[in-house]
């Protein structure tokens, strides 16, 4: 009985590790493509980091978050969300000179709903 429980727990741990590791690679690649399509050059990007949270799944938040830092704005972090195969802007933290964020995306325009 103990051996079966240990095997099941090991299977769950290895499965979760594999799920997170492979998806981090996939999402990081999609993020690089997203930034290139947006017009950012590889030399402008200081770092990207993909984060995962199982708790967010249960709380109905985004399971995957990507943080991006740029060389010309080292004190600002741009956050993006990855959900259902697509990346969307999530927000910005930190400060820049004159509070101008060069890499910020325009806020989406919403049309009012006519009733």
C-alpha atoms as a PDB file:
ATOM      1  CA  UNK A   1       0.000   0.000   0.000  1.00  0.00           C
ATOM      2  CA  UNK A   2       2.806   2.425   0.888  1.00  0.00           C
ATOM      3  CA  UNK A   3       4.692   1.670  -2.335  1.00  0.00           C
ATOM      4  CA  UNK A   4       1.578   2.375  -4.394  1.00  0.00           C
ATOM      5  CA  UNK A   5       1.024   5.698  -2.618  1.00  0.00           C
ATOM      6  CA  UNK A   6       4.667   6.693  -3.112  1.00  0.00           C
ATOM      7  CA  UNK A   7       4.519   5.788  -6.815  1.00  0.00           C
ATOM      8  CA  UNK A   8       1.331   7.823  -7.263  1.00  0.00           C
ATOM      9  CA  UNK A   9       2.837  10.844  -5.464  1.00  0.00           C
ATOM     10  CA  UNK A  10       6.019  10.622  -7.545  1.00  0.00           C
ATOM     11  CA  UNK A  11       3.949  10.401 -10.719  1.00  0.00           C
ATOM     12  CA  UNK A  12       1.995  13.542  -9.712  1.00  0.00           C
ATOM     13  CA  UNK A  13       5.166  15.468  -8.820  1.00  0.00           C
ATOM     14  CA  UNK A  14       6.997  14.499 -12.021  1.00  0.00           C
ATOM     15  CA  UNK A  15       3.878  15.218 -14.090  1.00  0.00           C
ATOM     16  CA  UNK A  16       3.485  18.703 -12.588  1.00  0.00           C
ATOM     17  CA  UNK A  17       7.168  19.484 -13.052  1.00  0.00           C
ATOM     18  CA  UNK A  18       7.022  18.368 -16.686  1.00  0.00           C
ATOM     19  CA  UNK A  19       3.817  20.376 -17.311  1.00  0.00           C
ATOM     20  CA  UNK A  20       5.310  23.580 -15.902  1.00  0.00           C
ATOM     21  CA  UNK A  21       8.726  23.169 -17.534  1.00  0.00           C
ATOM     22  CA  UNK A  22       7.436  22.430 -21.038  1.00  0.00           C
ATOM     23  CA  UNK A  23       4.820  25.185 -20.917  1.00  0.00           C
ATOM     24  CA  UNK A  24       7.350  27.750 -19.691  1.00  0.00           C
ATOM     25  CA  UNK A  25       9.464  27.031 -22.764  1.00  0.00           C
ATOM     26  CA  UNK A  26       6.428  27.240 -25.081  1.00  0.00           C
ATOM     27  CA  UNK A  27       5.114  30.472 -23.528  1.00  0.00           C
ATOM     28  CA  UNK A  28       8.549  32.098 -23.524  1.00  0.00           C
ATOM     29  CA  UNK A  29       8.827  31.367 -27.260  1.00  0.00           C
ATOM     30  CA  UNK A  30       5.339  32.818 -27.872  1.00  0.00           C
ATOM     31  CA  UNK A  31       6.289  35.897 -25.828  1.00  0.00           C
ATOM     32  CA  UNK A  32       9.403  36.448 -27.948  1.00  0.00           C
ATOM     33  CA  UNK A  33       7.258  36.243 -31.086  1.00  0.00           C
ATOM     34  CA  UNK A  34       4.681  38.602 -29.548  1.00  0.00           C
ATOM     35  CA  UNK A  35       7.358  41.200 -28.728  1.00  0.00           C
ATOM     36  CA  UNK A  36       8.872  40.956 -32.221  1.00  0.00           C
ATOM     37  CA  UNK A  37       5.428  41.396 -33.785  1.00  0.00           C
ATOM     38  CA  UNK A  38       4.941  44.430 -31.548  1.00  0.00           C
ATOM     39  CA  UNK A  39       8.164  45.910 -32.977  1.00  0.00           C
ATOM     40  CA  UNK A  40      10.537  45.291 -30.069  1.00  0.00           C
ATOM     41  CA  UNK A  41      14.056  44.164 -30.929  1.00  0.00           C
ATOM     42  CA  UNK A  42      15.907  41.405 -29.063  1.00  0.00           C
ATOM     43  CA  UNK A  43      18.554  43.942 -28.051  1.00  0.00           C
ATOM     44  CA  UNK A  44      15.913  46.081 -26.285  1.00  0.00           C
ATOM     45  CA  UNK A  45      14.665  43.279 -24.042  1.00  0.00           C
ATOM     46  CA  UNK A  46      16.714  42.790 -20.889  1.00  0.00           C
ATOM     47  CA  UNK A  47      14.829  39.729 -19.620  1.00  0.00           C
ATOM     48  CA  UNK A  48      11.595  37.773 -19.756  1.00  0.00           C
ATOM     49  CA  UNK A  49      10.347  35.471 -17.014  1.00  0.00           C
ATOM     50  CA  UNK A  50       7.396  33.108 -17.203  1.00  0.00           C
ATOM     51  CA  UNK A  51       5.602  32.424 -13.902  1.00  0.00           C
ATOM     52  CA  UNK A  52       3.002  29.806 -13.094  1.00  0.00           C
ATOM     53  CA  UNK A  53       0.527  29.494 -10.225  1.00  0.00           C
ATOM     54  CA  UNK A  54      -1.762  26.521  -9.563  1.00  0.00           C
ATOM     55  CA  UNK A  55      -3.568  28.576  -6.900  1.00  0.00           C
ATOM     56  CA  UNK A  56      -4.578  31.151  -9.514  1.00  0.00           C
ATOM     57  CA  UNK A  57      -6.425  28.425 -11.410  1.00  0.00           C
ATOM     58  CA  UNK A  58      -8.649  27.811  -8.390  1.00  0.00           C
ATOM     59  CA  UNK A  59      -9.103  31.555  -7.793  1.00  0.00           C
ATOM     60  CA  UNK A  60     -10.049  32.160 -11.459  1.00  0.00           C
ATOM     61  CA  UNK A  61      -6.970  34.272 -12.162  1.00  0.00           C
ATOM     62  CA  UNK A  62      -4.491  33.775 -14.969  1.00  0.00           C
ATOM     63  CA  UNK A  63      -2.457  30.624 -14.570  1.00  0.00           C
ATOM     64  CA  UNK A  64       0.524  32.044 -16.479  1.00  0.00           C
ATOM     65  CA  UNK A  65       2.167  35.470 -16.173  1.00  0.00           C
ATOM     66  CA  UNK A  66       5.137  36.807 -18.117  1.00  0.00           C
ATOM     67  CA  UNK A  67       7.247  39.684 -16.820  1.00  0.00           C
ATOM     68  CA  UNK A  68       9.394  41.656 -19.254  1.00  0.00           C
ATOM     69  CA  UNK A  69      12.163  44.123 -18.461  1.00  0.00           C
ATOM     70  CA  UNK A  70      13.717  46.441 -21.030  1.00  0.00           C
ATOM     71  CA  UNK A  71      17.286  47.764 -21.138  1.00  0.00           C
ATOM     72  CA  UNK A  72      16.178  51.393 -21.480  1.00  0.00           C
ATOM     73  CA  UNK A  73      13.679  51.129 -18.566  1.00  0.00           C
ATOM     74  CA  UNK A  74      15.463  48.991 -15.944  1.00  0.00           C
ATOM     75  CA  UNK A  75      13.139  50.044 -13.102  1.00  0.00           C
ATOM     76  CA  UNK A  76       9.888  49.118 -14.849  1.00  0.00           C
ATOM     77  CA  UNK A  77       8.421  45.646 -15.255  1.00  0.00           C
ATOM     78  CA  UNK A  78       5.799  44.985 -17.907  1.00  0.00           C
ATOM     79  CA  UNK A  79       3.402  42.145 -17.151  1.00  0.00           C
ATOM     80  CA  UNK A  80       1.562  40.022 -19.692  1.00  0.00           C
ATOM     81  CA  UNK A  81      -0.987  37.261 -19.231  1.00  0.00           C
ATOM     82  CA  UNK A  82      -1.065  34.026 -21.172  1.00  0.00           C
ATOM     83  CA  UNK A  83      -4.428  32.320 -21.464  1.00  0.00           C
ATOM     84  CA  UNK A  84      -6.005  30.002 -24.032  1.00  0.00           C
ATOM     85  CA  UNK A  85      -3.083  30.329 -26.422  1.00  0.00           C
ATOM     86  CA  UNK A  86      -2.893  34.120 -26.528  1.00  0.00           C
ATOM     87  CA  UNK A  87      -0.891  36.833 -24.799  1.00  0.00           C
ATOM     88  CA  UNK A  88      -2.426  40.055 -23.506  1.00  0.00           C
ATOM     89  CA  UNK A  89      -0.988  43.058 -21.626  1.00  0.00           C
ATOM     90  CA  UNK A  90      -1.515  42.818 -17.885  1.00  0.00           C
ATOM     91  CA  UNK A  91       0.032  45.942 -16.376  1.00  0.00           C
ATOM     92  CA  UNK A  92       3.200  47.764 -15.413  1.00  0.00           C
ATOM     93  CA  UNK A  93       5.013  48.170 -12.112  1.00  0.00           C
ATOM     94  CA  UNK A  94       7.911  50.417 -11.229  1.00  0.00           C
ATOM     95  CA  UNK A  95       8.882  53.899 -12.344  1.00  0.00           C
ATOM     96  CA  UNK A  96      10.554  55.515 -15.335  1.00  0.00           C
ATOM     97  CA  UNK A  97      11.891  58.988 -15.974  1.00  0.00           C
ATOM     98  CA  UNK A  98       8.994  61.434 -16.239  1.00  0.00           C
ATOM     99  CA  UNK A  99       6.609  58.467 -15.796  1.00  0.00           C
ATOM    100  CA  UNK A 100       6.724  57.802 -19.540  1.00  0.00           C
ATOM    101  CA  UNK A 101       6.546  54.120 -20.397  1.00  0.00           C
ATOM    102  CA  UNK A 102       8.002  53.676 -23.874  1.00  0.00           C
ATOM    103  CA  UNK A 103       6.941  50.051 -24.284  1.00  0.00           C
ATOM    104  CA  UNK A 104       3.391  50.335 -22.953  1.00  0.00           C
ATOM    105  CA  UNK A 105       0.631  49.218 -25.240  1.00  0.00           C
ATOM    106  CA  UNK A 106      -2.370  51.456 -25.771  1.00  0.00           C
ATOM    107  CA  UNK A 107      -5.402  50.565 -23.728  1.00  0.00           C
ATOM    108  CA  UNK A 108      -8.040  48.729 -25.729  1.00  0.00           C
ATOM    109  CA  UNK A 109     -10.913  50.769 -27.015  1.00  0.00           C
ATOM    110  CA  UNK A 110     -14.304  49.528 -25.940  1.00  0.00           C
ATOM    111  CA  UNK A 111     -17.442  50.372 -27.798  1.00  0.00           C
ATOM    112  CA  UNK A 112     -20.490  51.131 -25.672  1.00  0.00           C
ATOM    113  CA  UNK A 113     -23.232  48.578 -25.841  1.00  0.00           C
ATOM    114  CA  UNK A 114     -26.477  49.977 -27.239  1.00  0.00           C
ATOM    115  CA  UNK A 115     -29.569  48.564 -25.628  1.00  0.00           C
END
